[in-house]
């Protein structure tokens, strides 16, 4: 039983390291600044699997450049960031198709999104 727990933990750590390296090498970034100019959202491609692109979405303080929150998501049509009109959230929408959101960060970000921003 202990062997199984150690193997699962080891595989989880290995998967996290692979995902972290992909986030560091992210490319094809799209940035959008909020209407108020307080926030900037950015989505970048981290990996591809056939027609599906994997993205990292980040919310920044537009003035300091500090990363406030991060989310990981996938999409077949793109990860265009879009702020809600009241700036209560940023949605990373599909670039084409039905326009359904694939990634989401609340403003202000919850503790999980802020924690993700602090760890690679």
PDB file of N, CA and C in Angstrom:
ATOM      1  N   UNK A   1       0.824  -1.197   0.000  1.00  0.00           N
ATOM      2  CA  UNK A   1       0.000   0.000   0.000  1.00  0.00           C
ATOM      3  C   UNK A   1       0.871   1.264   0.000  1.00  0.00           C
ATOM      4  N   UNK A   2       1.901   1.269   0.825  1.00  0.00           N
ATOM      5  CA  UNK A   2       2.791   2.426   0.892  1.00  0.00           C
ATOM      6  C   UNK A   2       3.488   2.628  -0.450  1.00  0.00           C
ATOM      7  N   UNK A   3       3.847   1.541  -1.111  1.00  0.00           N
ATOM      8  CA  UNK A   3       4.496   1.624  -2.410  1.00  0.00           C
ATOM      9  C   UNK A   3       3.598   2.342  -3.421  1.00  0.00           C
ATOM     10  N   UNK A   4       2.320   2.035  -3.411  1.00  0.00           N
ATOM     11  CA  UNK A   4       1.369   2.657  -4.329  1.00  0.00           C
ATOM     12  C   UNK A   4       1.255   4.153  -4.046  1.00  0.00           C
ATOM     13  N   UNK A   5       1.176   4.528  -2.771  1.00  0.00           N
ATOM     14  CA  UNK A   5       1.085   5.940  -2.392  1.00  0.00           C
ATOM     15  C   UNK A   5       2.337   6.691  -2.841  1.00  0.00           C
ATOM     16  N   UNK A   6       3.504   6.099  -2.646  1.00  0.00           N
ATOM     17  CA  UNK A   6       4.765   6.727  -3.055  1.00  0.00           C
ATOM     18  C   UNK A   6       4.813   6.874  -4.570  1.00  0.00           C
ATOM     19  N   UNK A   7       4.366   5.872  -5.309  1.00  0.00           N
ATOM     20  CA  UNK A   7       4.365   5.934  -6.778  1.00  0.00           C
ATOM     21  C   UNK A   7       3.420   7.027  -7.281  1.00  0.00           C
ATOM     22  N   UNK A   8       2.232   7.113  -6.704  1.00  0.00           N
ATOM     23  CA  UNK A   8       1.273   8.138  -7.115  1.00  0.00           C
ATOM     24  C   UNK A   8       1.828   9.524  -6.798  1.00  0.00           C
ATOM     25  N   UNK A   9       2.407   9.700  -5.627  1.00  0.00           N
ATOM     26  CA  UNK A   9       2.998  10.993  -5.258  1.00  0.00           C
ATOM     27  C   UNK A   9       4.148  11.337  -6.205  1.00  0.00           C
ATOM     28  N   UNK A  10       4.984  10.365  -6.520  1.00  0.00           N
ATOM     29  CA  UNK A  10       6.104  10.590  -7.427  1.00  0.00           C
ATOM     30  C   UNK A  10       5.642  10.978  -8.818  1.00  0.00           C
ATOM     31  N   UNK A  11       4.621  10.304  -9.330  1.00  0.00           N
ATOM     32  CA  UNK A  11       4.073  10.653 -10.644  1.00  0.00           C
ATOM     33  C   UNK A  11       3.436  12.041 -10.645  1.00  0.00           C
ATOM     34  N   UNK A  12       2.795  12.407  -9.542  1.00  0.00           N
ATOM     35  CA  UNK A  12       2.198  13.740  -9.432  1.00  0.00           C
ATOM     36  C   UNK A  12       3.270  14.825  -9.464  1.00  0.00           C
ATOM     37  N   UNK A  13       4.360  14.593  -8.756  1.00  0.00           N
ATOM     38  CA  UNK A  13       5.466  15.554  -8.747  1.00  0.00           C
ATOM     39  C   UNK A  13       6.083  15.653 -10.139  1.00  0.00           C
ATOM     40  N   UNK A  14       6.274  14.537 -10.789  1.00  0.00           N
ATOM     41  CA  UNK A  14       6.835  14.530 -12.135  1.00  0.00           C
ATOM     42  C   UNK A  14       5.926  15.282 -13.114  1.00  0.00           C
ATOM     43  N   UNK A  15       4.627  15.069 -13.037  1.00  0.00           N
ATOM     44  CA  UNK A  15       3.670  15.774 -13.886  1.00  0.00           C
ATOM     45  C   UNK A  15       3.722  17.270 -13.626  1.00  0.00           C
ATOM     46  N   UNK A  16       3.810  17.663 -12.351  1.00  0.00           N
ATOM     47  CA  UNK A  16       3.881  19.083 -12.014  1.00  0.00           C
ATOM     48  C   UNK A  16       5.145  19.715 -12.596  1.00  0.00           C
ATOM     49  N   UNK A  17       6.270  19.030 -12.513  1.00  0.00           N
ATOM     50  CA  UNK A  17       7.528  19.548 -13.057  1.00  0.00           C
ATOM     51  C   UNK A  17       7.421  19.726 -14.569  1.00  0.00           C
ATOM     52  N   UNK A  18       6.831  18.770 -15.253  1.00  0.00           N
ATOM     53  CA  UNK A  18       6.645  18.887 -16.708  1.00  0.00           C
ATOM     54  C   UNK A  18       5.739  20.072 -17.046  1.00  0.00           C
ATOM     55  N   UNK A  19       4.650  20.251 -16.298  1.00  0.00           N
ATOM     56  CA  UNK A  19       3.747  21.382 -16.521  1.00  0.00           C
ATOM     57  C   UNK A  19       4.441  22.714 -16.239  1.00  0.00           C
ATOM     58  N   UNK A  20       5.264  22.750 -15.178  1.00  0.00           N
ATOM     59  CA  UNK A  20       5.996  23.967 -14.829  1.00  0.00           C
ATOM     60  C   UNK A  20       6.955  24.357 -15.957  1.00  0.00           C
ATOM     61  N   UNK A  21       7.661  23.388 -16.505  1.00  0.00           N
ATOM     62  CA  UNK A  21       8.591  23.670 -17.598  1.00  0.00           C
ATOM     63  C   UNK A  21       7.843  24.180 -18.831  1.00  0.00           C
ATOM     64  N   UNK A  22       6.662  23.646 -19.085  1.00  0.00           N
ATOM     65  CA  UNK A  22       5.851  24.116 -20.224  1.00  0.00           C
ATOM     66  C   UNK A  22       5.399  25.555 -20.003  1.00  0.00           C
ATOM     67  N   UNK A  23       5.026  25.908 -18.763  1.00  0.00           N
ATOM     68  CA  UNK A  23       4.601  27.286 -18.482  1.00  0.00           C
ATOM     69  C   UNK A  23       5.753  28.268 -18.671  1.00  0.00           C
ATOM     70  N   UNK A  24       6.967  27.843 -18.318  1.00  0.00           N
ATOM     71  CA  UNK A  24       8.140  28.707 -18.481  1.00  0.00           C
ATOM     72  C   UNK A  24       8.412  28.968 -19.960  1.00  0.00           C
ATOM     73  N   UNK A  25       8.165  27.977 -20.806  1.00  0.00           N
ATOM     74  CA  UNK A  25       8.417  28.103 -22.247  1.00  0.00           C
ATOM     75  C   UNK A  25       7.188  28.583 -23.027  1.00  0.00           C
ATOM     76  N   UNK A  26       6.194  29.124 -22.346  1.00  0.00           N
ATOM     77  CA  UNK A  26       4.953  29.559 -22.997  1.00  0.00           C
ATOM     78  C   UNK A  26       5.252  30.572 -24.102  1.00  0.00           C
ATOM     79  N   UNK A  27       4.447  30.534 -25.166  1.00  0.00           N
ATOM     80  CA  UNK A  27       4.650  31.389 -26.326  1.00  0.00           C
ATOM     81  C   UNK A  27       3.298  31.784 -26.919  1.00  0.00           C
ATOM     82  N   UNK A  28       3.323  32.553 -27.995  1.00  0.00           N
ATOM     83  CA  UNK A  28       2.108  33.035 -28.664  1.00  0.00           C
ATOM     84  C   UNK A  28       1.159  33.695 -27.659  1.00  0.00           C
ATOM     85  N   UNK A  29       1.693  34.677 -26.948  1.00  0.00           N
ATOM     86  CA  UNK A  29       0.928  35.350 -25.895  1.00  0.00           C
ATOM     87  C   UNK A  29       0.015  36.436 -26.452  1.00  0.00           C
ATOM     88  N   UNK A  30      -1.141  36.571 -25.806  1.00  0.00           N
ATOM     89  CA  UNK A  30      -2.115  37.620 -26.125  1.00  0.00           C
ATOM     90  C   UNK A  30      -2.366  38.400 -24.837  1.00  0.00           C
ATOM     91  N   UNK A  31      -2.173  39.714 -24.863  1.00  0.00           N
ATOM     92  CA  UNK A  31      -2.385  40.555 -23.680  1.00  0.00           C
ATOM     93  C   UNK A  31      -3.517  41.537 -23.930  1.00  0.00           C
ATOM     94  N   UNK A  32      -4.302  41.781 -22.880  1.00  0.00           N
ATOM     95  CA  UNK A  32      -5.404  42.736 -22.924  1.00  0.00           C
ATOM     96  C   UNK A  32      -5.385  43.520 -21.617  1.00  0.00           C
ATOM     97  N   UNK A  33      -5.538  44.845 -21.702  1.00  0.00           N
ATOM     98  CA  UNK A  33      -5.606  45.695 -20.517  1.00  0.00           C
ATOM     99  C   UNK A  33      -7.064  46.018 -20.218  1.00  0.00           C
ATOM    100  N   UNK A  34      -7.404  46.056 -18.925  1.00  0.00           N
ATOM    101  CA  UNK A  34      -8.782  46.351 -18.523  1.00  0.00           C
ATOM    102  C   UNK A  34      -9.148  47.783 -18.880  1.00  0.00           C
ATOM    103  N   UNK A  35     -10.452  48.072 -18.932  1.00  0.00           N
ATOM    104  CA  UNK A  35     -10.946  49.417 -19.273  1.00  0.00           C
ATOM    105  C   UNK A  35     -10.376  50.471 -18.330  1.00  0.00           C
ATOM    106  N   UNK A  36     -10.271  50.135 -17.043  1.00  0.00           N
ATOM    107  CA  UNK A  36      -9.784  51.097 -16.053  1.00  0.00           C
ATOM    108  C   UNK A  36      -8.263  51.253 -16.103  1.00  0.00           C
ATOM    109  N   UNK A  37      -7.575  50.321 -16.754  1.00  0.00           N
ATOM    110  CA  UNK A  37      -6.126  50.358 -16.815  1.00  0.00           C
ATOM    111  C   UNK A  37      -5.445  49.801 -15.580  1.00  0.00           C
ATOM    112  N   UNK A  38      -6.216  49.220 -14.656  1.00  0.00           N
ATOM    113  CA  UNK A  38      -5.658  48.687 -13.409  1.00  0.00           C
ATOM    114  C   UNK A  38      -5.048  47.307 -13.621  1.00  0.00           C
ATOM    115  N   UNK A  39      -5.669  46.490 -14.477  1.00  0.00           N
ATOM    116  CA  UNK A  39      -5.248  45.104 -14.668  1.00  0.00           C
ATOM    117  C   UNK A  39      -4.841  44.833 -16.112  1.00  0.00           C
ATOM    118  N   UNK A  40      -4.009  43.809 -16.251  1.00  0.00           N
ATOM    119  CA  UNK A  40      -3.658  43.299 -17.585  1.00  0.00           C
ATOM    120  C   UNK A  40      -3.782  41.783 -17.513  1.00  0.00           C
ATOM    121  N   UNK A  41      -4.443  41.208 -18.490  1.00  0.00           N
ATOM    122  CA  UNK A  41      -4.587  39.756 -18.572  1.00  0.00           C
ATOM    123  C   UNK A  41      -3.779  39.258 -19.755  1.00  0.00           C
ATOM    124  N   UNK A  42      -3.185  38.090 -19.599  1.00  0.00           N
ATOM    125  CA  UNK A  42      -2.374  37.515 -20.665  1.00  0.00           C
ATOM    126  C   UNK A  42      -2.615  36.018 -20.725  1.00  0.00           C
ATOM    127  N   UNK A  43      -2.753  35.498 -21.941  1.00  0.00           N
ATOM    128  CA  UNK A  43      -2.813  34.050 -22.123  1.00  0.00           C
ATOM    129  C   UNK A  43      -1.714  33.650 -23.090  1.00  0.00           C
ATOM    130  N   UNK A  44      -1.062  32.532 -22.784  1.00  0.00           N
ATOM    131  CA  UNK A  44       0.046  32.047 -23.608  1.00  0.00           C
ATOM    132  C   UNK A  44      -0.103  30.542 -23.807  1.00  0.00           C
ATOM    133  N   UNK A  45       0.265  30.078 -24.979  1.00  0.00           N
ATOM    134  CA  UNK A  45       0.228  28.650 -25.294  1.00  0.00           C
ATOM    135  C   UNK A  45       1.378  27.957 -24.571  1.00  0.00           C
ATOM    136  N   UNK A  46       1.072  26.862 -23.879  1.00  0.00           N
ATOM    137  CA  UNK A  46       2.109  26.092 -23.198  1.00  0.00           C
ATOM    138  C   UNK A  46       2.400  24.771 -23.886  1.00  0.00           C
ATOM    139  N   UNK A  47       1.403  24.233 -24.600  1.00  0.00           N
ATOM    140  CA  UNK A  47       1.579  22.919 -25.227  1.00  0.00           C
ATOM    141  C   UNK A  47       0.455  22.702 -26.239  1.00  0.00           C
ATOM    142  N   UNK A  48       0.661  21.759 -27.130  1.00  0.00           N
ATOM    143  CA  UNK A  48      -0.353  21.389 -28.119  1.00  0.00           C
ATOM    144  C   UNK A  48      -0.521  19.873 -28.106  1.00  0.00           C
ATOM    145  N   UNK A  49      -1.745  19.430 -28.329  1.00  0.00           N
ATOM    146  CA  UNK A  49      -2.042  18.012 -28.471  1.00  0.00           C
ATOM    147  C   UNK A  49      -3.105  17.892 -29.559  1.00  0.00           C
ATOM    148  N   UNK A  50      -2.656  17.716 -30.791  1.00  0.00           N
ATOM    149  CA  UNK A  50      -3.587  17.685 -31.912  1.00  0.00           C
ATOM    150  C   UNK A  50      -4.176  19.057 -32.131  1.00  0.00           C
ATOM    151  N   UNK A  51      -5.503  19.155 -32.091  1.00  0.00           N
ATOM    152  CA  UNK A  51      -6.193  20.437 -32.274  1.00  0.00           C
ATOM    153  C   UNK A  51      -6.368  21.210 -30.975  1.00  0.00           C
ATOM    154  N   UNK A  52      -6.014  20.621 -29.845  1.00  0.00           N
ATOM    155  CA  UNK A  52      -6.208  21.257 -28.546  1.00  0.00           C
ATOM    156  C   UNK A  52      -4.924  21.960 -28.120  1.00  0.00           C
ATOM    157  N   UNK A  53      -5.052  23.241 -27.767  1.00  0.00           N
ATOM    158  CA  UNK A  53      -3.927  24.008 -27.240  1.00  0.00           C
ATOM    159  C   UNK A  53      -4.118  24.157 -25.729  1.00  0.00           C
ATOM    160  N   UNK A  54      -3.042  24.018 -25.000  1.00  0.00           N
ATOM    161  CA  UNK A  54      -3.051  24.203 -23.552  1.00  0.00           C
ATOM    162  C   UNK A  54      -2.464  25.583 -23.267  1.00  0.00           C
ATOM    163  N   UNK A  55      -3.095  26.323 -22.373  1.00  0.00           N
ATOM    164  CA  UNK A  55      -2.744  27.707 -22.093  1.00  0.00           C
ATOM    165  C   UNK A  55      -2.469  27.919 -20.614  1.00  0.00           C
ATOM    166  N   UNK A  56      -1.716  28.985 -20.359  1.00  0.00           N
ATOM    167  CA  UNK A  56      -1.618  29.543 -19.023  1.00  0.00           C
ATOM    168  C   UNK A  56      -2.180  30.952 -19.120  1.00  0.00           C
ATOM    169  N   UNK A  57      -3.129  31.279 -18.244  1.00  0.00           N
ATOM    170  CA  UNK A  57      -3.714  32.612 -18.195  1.00  0.00           C
ATOM    171  C   UNK A  57      -3.255  33.293 -16.926  1.00  0.00           C
ATOM    172  N   UNK A  58      -2.812  34.543 -17.052  1.00  0.00           N
ATOM    173  CA  UNK A  58      -2.323  35.284 -15.891  1.00  0.00           C
ATOM    174  C   UNK A  58      -3.002  36.639 -15.804  1.00  0.00           C
ATOM    175  N   UNK A  59      -3.212  37.077 -14.567  1.00  0.00           N
ATOM    176  CA  UNK A  59      -3.737  38.405 -14.278  1.00  0.00           C
ATOM    177  C   UNK A  59      -2.623  39.197 -13.616  1.00  0.00           C
ATOM    178  N   UNK A  60      -2.319  40.378 -14.171  1.00  0.00           N
ATOM    179  CA  UNK A  60      -1.244  41.227 -13.666  1.00  0.00           C
ATOM    180  C   UNK A  60      -1.794  42.539 -13.136  1.00  0.00           C
ATOM    181  N   UNK A  61      -1.071  43.150 -12.190  1.00  0.00           N
ATOM    182  CA  UNK A  61      -1.274  44.543 -11.840  1.00  0.00           C
ATOM    183  C   UNK A  61      -0.623  45.329 -12.975  1.00  0.00           C
ATOM    184  N   UNK A  62      -1.389  46.149 -13.681  1.00  0.00           N
ATOM    185  CA  UNK A  62      -0.879  46.825 -14.880  1.00  0.00           C
ATOM    186  C   UNK A  62       0.221  47.827 -14.552  1.00  0.00           C
ATOM    187  N   UNK A  63       0.217  48.378 -13.345  1.00  0.00           N
ATOM    188  CA  UNK A  63       1.207  49.393 -12.994  1.00  0.00           C
ATOM    189  C   UNK A  63       2.525  48.792 -12.538  1.00  0.00           C
ATOM    190  N   UNK A  64       2.463  47.797 -11.659  1.00  0.00           N
ATOM    191  CA  UNK A  64       3.698  47.202 -11.123  1.00  0.00           C
ATOM    192  C   UNK A  64       4.191  46.028 -11.960  1.00  0.00           C
ATOM    193  N   UNK A  65       3.296  45.408 -12.728  1.00  0.00           N
ATOM    194  CA  UNK A  65       3.656  44.225 -13.497  1.00  0.00           C
ATOM    195  C   UNK A  65       3.651  42.940 -12.680  1.00  0.00           C
ATOM    196  N   UNK A  66       3.237  43.017 -11.426  1.00  0.00           N
ATOM    197  CA  UNK A  66       3.202  41.852 -10.535  1.00  0.00           C
ATOM    198  C   UNK A  66       2.088  40.895 -10.955  1.00  0.00           C
ATOM    199  N   UNK A  67       2.410  39.594 -10.985  1.00  0.00           N
ATOM    200  CA  UNK A  67       1.403  38.579 -11.292  1.00  0.00           C
ATOM    201  C   UNK A  67       0.505  38.416 -10.066  1.00  0.00           C
ATOM    202  N   UNK A  68      -0.798  38.595 -10.258  1.00  0.00           N
ATOM    203  CA  UNK A  68      -1.764  38.490  -9.175  1.00  0.00           C
ATOM    204  C   UNK A  68      -2.401  37.112  -9.094  1.00  0.00           C
ATOM    205  N   UNK A  69      -2.592  36.464 -10.250  1.00  0.00           N
ATOM    206  CA  UNK A  69      -3.280  35.171 -10.276  1.00  0.00           C
ATOM    207  C   UNK A  69      -2.914  34.434 -11.553  1.00  0.00           C
ATOM    208  N   UNK A  70      -3.104  33.092 -11.503  1.00  0.00           N
ATOM    209  CA  UNK A  70      -2.822  32.262 -12.669  1.00  0.00           C
ATOM    210  C   UNK A  70      -3.860  31.166 -12.753  1.00  0.00           C
ATOM    211  N   UNK A  71      -4.205  30.793 -13.986  1.00  0.00           N
ATOM    212  CA  UNK A  71      -5.074  29.645 -14.227  1.00  0.00           C
ATOM    213  C   UNK A  71      -4.547  28.902 -15.452  1.00  0.00           C
ATOM    214  N   UNK A  72      -4.751  27.617 -15.488  1.00  0.00           N
ATOM    215  CA  UNK A  72      -4.369  26.788 -16.632  1.00  0.00           C
ATOM    216  C   UNK A  72      -5.643  26.273 -17.273  1.00  0.00           C
ATOM    217  N   UNK A  73      -5.691  26.280 -18.602  1.00  0.00           N
ATOM    218  CA  UNK A  73      -6.884  25.827 -19.302  1.00  0.00           C
ATOM    219  C   UNK A  73      -6.507  25.344 -20.687  1.00  0.00           C
ATOM    220  N   UNK A  74      -7.467  24.709 -21.355  1.00  0.00           N
ATOM    221  CA  UNK A  74      -7.229  24.264 -22.725  1.00  0.00           C
ATOM    222  C   UNK A  74      -8.369  24.754 -23.609  1.00  0.00           C
ATOM    223  N   UNK A  75      -8.074  24.824 -24.906  1.00  0.00           N
ATOM    224  CA  UNK A  75      -9.063  25.306 -25.860  1.00  0.00           C
ATOM    225  C   UNK A  75      -8.691  24.822 -27.256  1.00  0.00           C
ATOM    226  N   UNK A  76      -9.682  24.645 -28.086  1.00  0.00           N
ATOM    227  CA  UNK A  76      -9.442  24.288 -29.481  1.00  0.00           C
ATOM    228  C   UNK A  76      -9.427  25.526 -30.370  1.00  0.00           C
ATOM    229  N   UNK A  77      -9.923  26.664 -29.861  1.00  0.00           N
ATOM    230  CA  UNK A  77     -10.126  27.846 -30.690  1.00  0.00           C
ATOM    231  C   UNK A  77      -9.342  29.077 -30.255  1.00  0.00           C
ATOM    232  N   UNK A  78      -8.580  29.020 -29.207  1.00  0.00           N
ATOM    233  CA  UNK A  78      -7.821  30.179 -28.745  1.00  0.00           C
ATOM    234  C   UNK A  78      -8.198  30.569 -27.335  1.00  0.00           C
ATOM    235  N   UNK A  79      -7.375  31.373 -26.697  1.00  0.00           N
ATOM    236  CA  UNK A  79      -7.595  31.755 -25.301  1.00  0.00           C
ATOM    237  C   UNK A  79      -7.616  33.250 -25.103  1.00  0.00           C
ATOM    238  N   UNK A  80      -8.386  33.965 -25.899  1.00  0.00           N
ATOM    239  CA  UNK A  80      -8.435  35.415 -25.842  1.00  0.00           C
ATOM    240  C   UNK A  80      -8.944  35.903 -24.485  1.00  0.00           C
ATOM    241  N   UNK A  81      -8.156  36.722 -23.742  1.00  0.00           N
ATOM    242  CA  UNK A  81      -8.633  37.252 -22.459  1.00  0.00           C
ATOM    243  C   UNK A  81      -9.674  38.349 -22.671  1.00  0.00           C
ATOM    244  N   UNK A  82     -10.698  38.355 -21.826  1.00  0.00           N
ATOM    245  CA  UNK A  82     -11.736  39.384 -21.902  1.00  0.00           C
ATOM    246  C   UNK A  82     -12.199  39.724 -20.492  1.00  0.00           C
ATOM    247  N   UNK A  83     -12.134  41.000 -20.132  1.00  0.00           N
ATOM    248  CA  UNK A  83     -12.604  41.442 -18.827  1.00  0.00           C
ATOM    249  C   UNK A  83     -14.110  41.618 -18.868  1.00  0.00           C
ATOM    250  N   UNK A  84     -14.787  41.240 -17.779  1.00  0.00           N
ATOM    251  CA  UNK A  84     -16.212  41.537 -17.659  1.00  0.00           C
ATOM    252  C   UNK A  84     -16.361  43.046 -17.552  1.00  0.00           C
ATOM    253  N   UNK A  85     -17.494  43.610 -17.984  1.00  0.00           N
ATOM    254  CA  UNK A  85     -17.658  45.073 -17.976  1.00  0.00           C
ATOM    255  C   UNK A  85     -17.418  45.722 -16.611  1.00  0.00           C
ATOM    256  N   UNK A  86     -17.771  45.039 -15.526  1.00  0.00           N
ATOM    257  CA  UNK A  86     -17.570  45.605 -14.187  1.00  0.00           C
ATOM    258  C   UNK A  86     -16.206  45.219 -13.590  1.00  0.00           C
ATOM    259  N   UNK A  87     -15.370  44.552 -14.396  1.00  0.00           N
ATOM    260  CA  UNK A  87     -14.023  44.111 -13.998  1.00  0.00           C
ATOM    261  C   UNK A  87     -14.042  43.226 -12.750  1.00  0.00           C
ATOM    262  N   UNK A  88     -15.094  42.423 -12.612  1.00  0.00           N
ATOM    263  CA  UNK A  88     -15.171  41.491 -11.485  1.00  0.00           C
ATOM    264  C   UNK A  88     -14.484  40.168 -11.814  1.00  0.00           C
ATOM    265  N   UNK A  89     -14.097  39.990 -13.081  1.00  0.00           N
ATOM    266  CA  UNK A  89     -13.429  38.756 -13.497  1.00  0.00           C
ATOM    267  C   UNK A  89     -12.840  38.944 -14.884  1.00  0.00           C
ATOM    268  N   UNK A  90     -11.915  38.060 -15.207  1.00  0.00           N
ATOM    269  CA  UNK A  90     -11.398  37.965 -16.567  1.00  0.00           C
ATOM    270  C   UNK A  90     -11.691  36.556 -17.055  1.00  0.00           C
ATOM    271  N   UNK A  91     -12.221  36.481 -18.262  1.00  0.00           N
ATOM    272  CA  UNK A  91     -12.554  35.199 -18.877  1.00  0.00           C
ATOM    273  C   UNK A  91     -11.628  35.011 -20.065  1.00  0.00           C
ATOM    274  N   UNK A  92     -11.078  33.830 -20.191  1.00  0.00           N
ATOM    275  CA  UNK A  92     -10.249  33.498 -21.335  1.00  0.00           C
ATOM    276  C   UNK A  92     -11.144  32.753 -22.308  1.00  0.00           C
ATOM    277  N   UNK A  93     -11.697  33.487 -23.263  1.00  0.00           N
ATOM    278  CA  UNK A  93     -12.705  32.952 -24.178  1.00  0.00           C
ATOM    279  C   UNK A  93     -12.086  32.280 -25.376  1.00  0.00           C
ATOM    280  N   UNK A  94     -12.881  31.451 -25.986  1.00  0.00           N
ATOM    281  CA  UNK A  94     -12.492  30.849 -27.261  1.00  0.00           C
ATOM    282  C   UNK A  94     -12.483  31.952 -28.309  1.00  0.00           C
ATOM    283  N   UNK A  95     -11.512  31.904 -29.177  1.00  0.00           N
ATOM    284  CA  UNK A  95     -11.386  32.927 -30.205  1.00  0.00           C
ATOM    285  C   UNK A  95     -12.483  32.839 -31.257  1.00  0.00           C
ATOM    286  N   UNK A  96     -13.016  31.663 -31.508  1.00  0.00           N
ATOM    287  CA  UNK A  96     -14.056  31.447 -32.501  1.00  0.00           C
ATOM    288  C   UNK A  96     -15.053  30.452 -31.919  1.00  0.00           C
ATOM    289  N   UNK A  97     -16.014  30.082 -32.687  1.00  0.00           N
ATOM    290  CA  UNK A  97     -16.959  29.059 -32.238  1.00  0.00           C
ATOM    291  C   UNK A  97     -18.018  29.640 -31.332  1.00  0.00           C
ATOM    292  N   UNK A  98     -18.379  28.899 -30.279  1.00  0.00           N
ATOM    293  CA  UNK A  98     -19.514  29.290 -29.456  1.00  0.00           C
ATOM    294  C   UNK A  98     -19.190  30.353 -28.413  1.00  0.00           C
ATOM    295  N   UNK A  99     -17.931  30.714 -28.217  1.00  0.00           N
ATOM    296  CA  UNK A  99     -17.576  31.784 -27.298  1.00  0.00           C
ATOM    297  C   UNK A  99     -17.664  31.418 -25.837  1.00  0.00           C
ATOM    298  N   UNK A 100     -17.830  30.139 -25.507  1.00  0.00           N
ATOM    299  CA  UNK A 100     -17.913  29.754 -24.100  1.00  0.00           C
ATOM    300  C   UNK A 100     -16.552  29.916 -23.437  1.00  0.00           C
ATOM    301  N   UNK A 101     -16.552  30.347 -22.180  1.00  0.00           N
ATOM    302  CA  UNK A 101     -15.312  30.556 -21.457  1.00  0.00           C
ATOM    303  C   UNK A 101     -14.617  29.247 -21.132  1.00  0.00           C
ATOM    304  N   UNK A 102     -13.319  29.241 -21.222  1.00  0.00           N
ATOM    305  CA  UNK A 102     -12.557  28.039 -20.901  1.00  0.00           C
ATOM    306  C   UNK A 102     -11.645  28.253 -19.708  1.00  0.00           C
ATOM    307  N   UNK A 103     -11.377  29.483 -19.359  1.00  0.00           N
ATOM    308  CA  UNK A 103     -10.576  29.815 -18.189  1.00  0.00           C
ATOM    309  C   UNK A 103     -11.195  31.029 -17.534  1.00  0.00           C
ATOM    310  N   UNK A 104     -11.012  31.177 -16.217  1.00  0.00           N
ATOM    311  CA  UNK A 104     -11.720  32.214 -15.482  1.00  0.00           C
ATOM    312  C   UNK A 104     -10.891  32.606 -14.269  1.00  0.00           C
ATOM    313  N   UNK A 105     -10.717  33.910 -14.021  1.00  0.00           N
ATOM    314  CA  UNK A 105     -10.074  34.397 -12.798  1.00  0.00           C
ATOM    315  C   UNK A 105     -10.971  35.488 -12.219  1.00  0.00           C
ATOM    316  N   UNK A 106     -11.401  35.314 -10.968  1.00  0.00           N
ATOM    317  CA  UNK A 106     -12.172  36.338 -10.269  1.00  0.00           C
ATOM    318  C   UNK A 106     -11.270  37.521  -9.931  1.00  0.00           C
ATOM    319  N   UNK A 107     -11.854  38.710  -9.851  1.00  0.00           N
ATOM    320  CA  UNK A 107     -11.135  39.897  -9.395  1.00  0.00           C
ATOM    321  C   UNK A 107     -11.906  40.449  -8.207  1.00  0.00           C
ATOM    322  N   UNK A 108     -11.328  40.500  -7.023  1.00  0.00           N
ATOM    323  CA  UNK A 108      -9.981  40.063  -6.681  1.00  0.00           C
ATOM    324  C   UNK A 108      -9.889  38.530  -6.714  1.00  0.00           C
ATOM    325  N   UNK A 109      -8.702  38.025  -7.025  1.00  0.00           N
ATOM    326  CA  UNK A 109      -8.520  36.577  -7.150  1.00  0.00           C
ATOM    327  C   UNK A 109      -8.710  35.850  -5.820  1.00  0.00           C
ATOM    328  N   UNK A 110      -9.216  34.606  -5.905  1.00  0.00           N
ATOM    329  CA  UNK A 110      -9.329  33.795  -4.695  1.00  0.00           C
ATOM    330  C   UNK A 110      -7.953  33.283  -4.296  1.00  0.00           C
ATOM    331  N   UNK A 111      -7.867  32.653  -3.136  1.00  0.00           N
ATOM    332  CA  UNK A 111      -6.575  32.241  -2.583  1.00  0.00           C
ATOM    333  C   UNK A 111      -5.865  31.219  -3.459  1.00  0.00           C
ATOM    334  N   UNK A 112      -6.624  30.341  -4.135  1.00  0.00           N
ATOM    335  CA  UNK A 112      -5.985  29.323  -4.988  1.00  0.00           C
ATOM    336  C   UNK A 112      -5.308  29.949  -6.195  1.00  0.00           C
ATOM    337  N   UNK A 113      -5.993  30.908  -6.837  1.00  0.00           N
ATOM    338  CA  UNK A 113      -5.410  31.579  -8.008  1.00  0.00           C
ATOM    339  C   UNK A 113      -4.191  32.403  -7.607  1.00  0.00           C
ATOM    340  N   UNK A 114      -4.243  33.032  -6.407  1.00  0.00           N
ATOM    341  CA  UNK A 114      -3.080  33.795  -5.930  1.00  0.00           C
ATOM    342  C   UNK A 114      -1.915  32.872  -5.596  1.00  0.00           C
ATOM    343  N   UNK A 115      -2.217  31.719  -5.007  1.00  0.00           N
ATOM    344  CA  UNK A 115      -1.159  30.748  -4.689  1.00  0.00           C
ATOM    345  C   UNK A 115      -0.503  30.225  -5.966  1.00  0.00           C
ATOM    346  N   UNK A 116      -1.314  29.911  -6.983  1.00  0.00           N
ATOM    347  CA  UNK A 116      -0.761  29.458  -8.262  1.00  0.00           C
ATOM    348  C   UNK A 116       0.180  30.488  -8.870  1.00  0.00           C
ATOM    349  N   UNK A 117      -0.113  31.782  -8.649  1.00  0.00           N
ATOM    350  CA  UNK A 117       0.730  32.845  -9.188  1.00  0.00           C
ATOM    351  C   UNK A 117       2.094  32.886  -8.498  1.00  0.00           C
ATOM    352  N   UNK A 118       2.143  32.431  -7.256  1.00  0.00           N
ATOM    353  CA  UNK A 118       3.385  32.493  -6.494  1.00  0.00           C
ATOM    354  C   UNK A 118       4.306  31.309  -6.741  1.00  0.00           C
ATOM    355  N   UNK A 119       3.733  30.168  -7.097  1.00  0.00           N
ATOM    356  CA  UNK A 119       4.567  28.999  -7.347  1.00  0.00           C
ATOM    357  C   UNK A 119       4.695  28.776  -8.858  1.00  0.00           C
ATOM    358  N   UNK A 120       5.834  28.320  -9.305  1.00  0.00           N
ATOM    359  CA  UNK A 120       6.025  28.159 -10.750  1.00  0.00           C
ATOM    360  C   UNK A 120       5.104  27.113 -11.362  1.00  0.00           C
TER     361      UNK A 120
END
